[in-house]
Amino acid sequence: MEPVRTCVGCRTRAPRSALLRVVSQNDTLVIDERAVLPGRGAWLHPTQECMDAAVRRRAFGRALRVSGQLDTQTIEKQRLNSYGNKVNGSK
């Protein structure tokens, strides 16, 4: 049985393999592709709708238990780059 996590964007439960793990490093959000980085993680569907909802609701700060602002631009660039690579067929 695969572990189940809740998306911080849409708040629906999904298998861990269907979600991205996001961690905070120096007040910057980073995608943890292998789910091995230390610290508390937040789980998110790899869709723009869930990303927008999480940012709008300020869900990352609550889920990661971080006070203050988090830089979300890095995660948006990483997600868009990885999506472009998958669409183009490269790794």
C-alpha atoms as a PDB file:
ATOM      1  CA  MET A   1       0.000   0.000   0.000  1.00  0.00           C
ATOM      2  CA  GLU A   2       1.468   3.330  -1.071  1.00  0.00           C
ATOM      3  CA  PRO A   3       1.615   6.267   1.367  1.00  0.00           C
ATOM      4  CA  VAL A   4      -1.014   8.981   0.921  1.00  0.00           C
ATOM      5  CA  ARG A   5      -0.325  12.725   1.294  1.00  0.00           C
ATOM      6  CA  THR A   6      -2.480  15.869   1.102  1.00  0.00           C
ATOM      7  CA  CYS A   7      -1.830  18.534  -1.535  1.00  0.00           C
ATOM      8  CA  VAL A   8      -1.367  21.968   0.070  1.00  0.00           C
ATOM      9  CA  GLY A   9      -2.960  23.605  -2.980  1.00  0.00           C
ATOM     10  CA  CYS A  10      -6.255  21.788  -3.502  1.00  0.00           C
ATOM     11  CA  ARG A  11      -6.326  19.929  -0.146  1.00  0.00           C
ATOM     12  CA  THR A  12      -7.136  16.576  -1.763  1.00  0.00           C
ATOM     13  CA  ARG A  13      -5.441  13.342  -0.770  1.00  0.00           C
ATOM     14  CA  ALA A  14      -3.340  11.532  -3.363  1.00  0.00           C
ATOM     15  CA  PRO A  15      -0.645   8.844  -3.504  1.00  0.00           C
ATOM     16  CA  ARG A  16       2.801  10.133  -2.672  1.00  0.00           C
ATOM     17  CA  SER A  17       4.046   9.258  -6.179  1.00  0.00           C
ATOM     18  CA  ALA A  18       1.517  11.681  -7.743  1.00  0.00           C
ATOM     19  CA  LEU A  19       2.729  14.686  -5.708  1.00  0.00           C
ATOM     20  CA  LEU A  20       5.856  16.841  -5.550  1.00  0.00           C
ATOM     21  CA  ARG A  21       7.625  17.389  -2.232  1.00  0.00           C
ATOM     22  CA  VAL A  22       8.605  20.991  -1.513  1.00  0.00           C
ATOM     23  CA  VAL A  23      10.994  22.087   1.259  1.00  0.00           C
ATOM     24  CA  SER A  24      12.238  25.437   2.494  1.00  0.00           C
ATOM     25  CA  GLN A  25      15.957  26.207   2.327  1.00  0.00           C
ATOM     26  CA  ASN A  26      16.983  29.689   3.496  1.00  0.00           C
ATOM     27  CA  ASP A  27      13.425  31.028   3.026  1.00  0.00           C
ATOM     28  CA  THR A  28      13.347  29.761  -0.562  1.00  0.00           C
ATOM     29  CA  LEU A  29      11.069  26.966  -1.709  1.00  0.00           C
ATOM     30  CA  VAL A  30      12.861  24.106  -3.454  1.00  0.00           C
ATOM     31  CA  ILE A  31      11.382  21.059  -5.189  1.00  0.00           C
ATOM     32  CA  ASP A  32      12.677  17.883  -3.577  1.00  0.00           C
ATOM     33  CA  GLU A  33      12.437  15.503  -6.532  1.00  0.00           C
ATOM     34  CA  ARG A  34      13.795  12.447  -4.694  1.00  0.00           C
ATOM     35  CA  ALA A  35      12.025  13.305  -1.396  1.00  0.00           C
ATOM     36  CA  VAL A  36      15.251  13.036   0.609  1.00  0.00           C
ATOM     37  CA  LEU A  37      16.113  16.617   1.608  1.00  0.00           C
ATOM     38  CA  PRO A  38      16.140  17.237   5.359  1.00  0.00           C
ATOM     39  CA  GLY A  39      13.427  19.144   7.104  1.00  0.00           C
ATOM     40  CA  ARG A  40       9.710  19.443   6.955  1.00  0.00           C
ATOM     41  CA  GLY A  41       8.117  19.007   3.539  1.00  0.00           C
ATOM     42  CA  ALA A  42       4.894  20.098   1.875  1.00  0.00           C
ATOM     43  CA  TRP A  43       3.255  18.065  -0.884  1.00  0.00           C
ATOM     44  CA  LEU A  44       1.780  19.575  -4.046  1.00  0.00           C
ATOM     45  CA  HIS A  45       0.204  18.345  -7.279  1.00  0.00           C
ATOM     46  CA  PRO A  46       2.418  19.261 -10.273  1.00  0.00           C
ATOM     47  CA  THR A  47      -0.242  21.571 -11.743  1.00  0.00           C
ATOM     48  CA  GLN A  48      -0.383  25.334 -12.090  1.00  0.00           C
ATOM     49  CA  GLU A  49      -3.823  25.419 -10.415  1.00  0.00           C
ATOM     50  CA  CYS A  50      -2.544  23.788  -7.224  1.00  0.00           C
ATOM     51  CA  MET A  51       0.555  25.997  -7.206  1.00  0.00           C
ATOM     52  CA  ASP A  52      -1.553  29.150  -7.573  1.00  0.00           C
ATOM     53  CA  ALA A  53      -3.972  28.019  -4.866  1.00  0.00           C
ATOM     54  CA  ALA A  54      -1.136  27.243  -2.441  1.00  0.00           C
ATOM     55  CA  VAL A  55       0.499  30.640  -3.028  1.00  0.00           C
ATOM     56  CA  ARG A  56      -2.823  32.491  -2.793  1.00  0.00           C
ATOM     57  CA  ARG A  57      -3.727  30.722   0.481  1.00  0.00           C
ATOM     58  CA  ARG A  58      -0.183  31.101   1.865  1.00  0.00           C
ATOM     59  CA  ALA A  59      -0.252  27.361   2.496  1.00  0.00           C
ATOM     60  CA  PHE A  60       3.497  26.782   2.173  1.00  0.00           C
ATOM     61  CA  GLY A  61       4.322  28.861   5.257  1.00  0.00           C
ATOM     62  CA  ARG A  62       1.780  27.006   7.360  1.00  0.00           C
ATOM     63  CA  ALA A  63       2.651  23.541   6.078  1.00  0.00           C
ATOM     64  CA  LEU A  64       6.387  24.077   6.515  1.00  0.00           C
ATOM     65  CA  ARG A  65       5.924  25.949   9.801  1.00  0.00           C
ATOM     66  CA  VAL A  66       7.985  28.902   8.592  1.00  0.00           C
ATOM     67  CA  SER A  67       7.307  32.413   9.802  1.00  0.00           C
ATOM     68  CA  GLY A  68       7.800  35.203   7.317  1.00  0.00           C
ATOM     69  CA  GLN A  69       7.722  35.324   3.539  1.00  0.00           C
ATOM     70  CA  LEU A  70       8.926  32.462   1.361  1.00  0.00           C
ATOM     71  CA  ASP A  71      10.390  32.994  -2.106  1.00  0.00           C
ATOM     72  CA  THR A  72       8.104  31.092  -4.498  1.00  0.00           C
ATOM     73  CA  GLN A  73       9.699  32.276  -7.743  1.00  0.00           C
ATOM     74  CA  THR A  74      12.398  29.601  -7.609  1.00  0.00           C
ATOM     75  CA  ILE A  75       9.903  26.755  -7.322  1.00  0.00           C
ATOM     76  CA  GLU A  76       7.808  28.146 -10.181  1.00  0.00           C
ATOM     77  CA  LYS A  77      10.876  28.302 -12.446  1.00  0.00           C
ATOM     78  CA  GLN A  78      11.978  24.791 -11.443  1.00  0.00           C
ATOM     79  CA  ARG A  79       8.524  23.374 -12.059  1.00  0.00           C
ATOM     80  CA  LEU A  80       8.199  25.049 -15.455  1.00  0.00           C
ATOM     81  CA  ASN A  81      11.673  23.889 -16.506  1.00  0.00           C
ATOM     82  CA  SER A  82      11.042  20.295 -15.474  1.00  0.00           C
ATOM     83  CA  TYR A  83       7.654  20.315 -17.219  1.00  0.00           C
ATOM     84  CA  GLY A  84       9.245  21.654 -20.418  1.00  0.00           C
ATOM     85  CA  ASN A  85      11.877  18.914 -20.294  1.00  0.00           C
ATOM     86  CA  LYS A  86       9.243  16.183 -19.942  1.00  0.00           C
ATOM     87  CA  VAL A  87       7.204  17.593 -22.830  1.00  0.00           C
ATOM     88  CA  ASN A  88      10.246  17.869 -25.094  1.00  0.00           C
ATOM     89  CA  GLY A  89      11.361  14.352 -24.245  1.00  0.00           C
ATOM     90  CA  SER A  90      14.701  15.258 -22.685  1.00  0.00           C
ATOM     91  CA  LYS A  91      15.787  14.463 -19.132  1.00  0.00           C
END
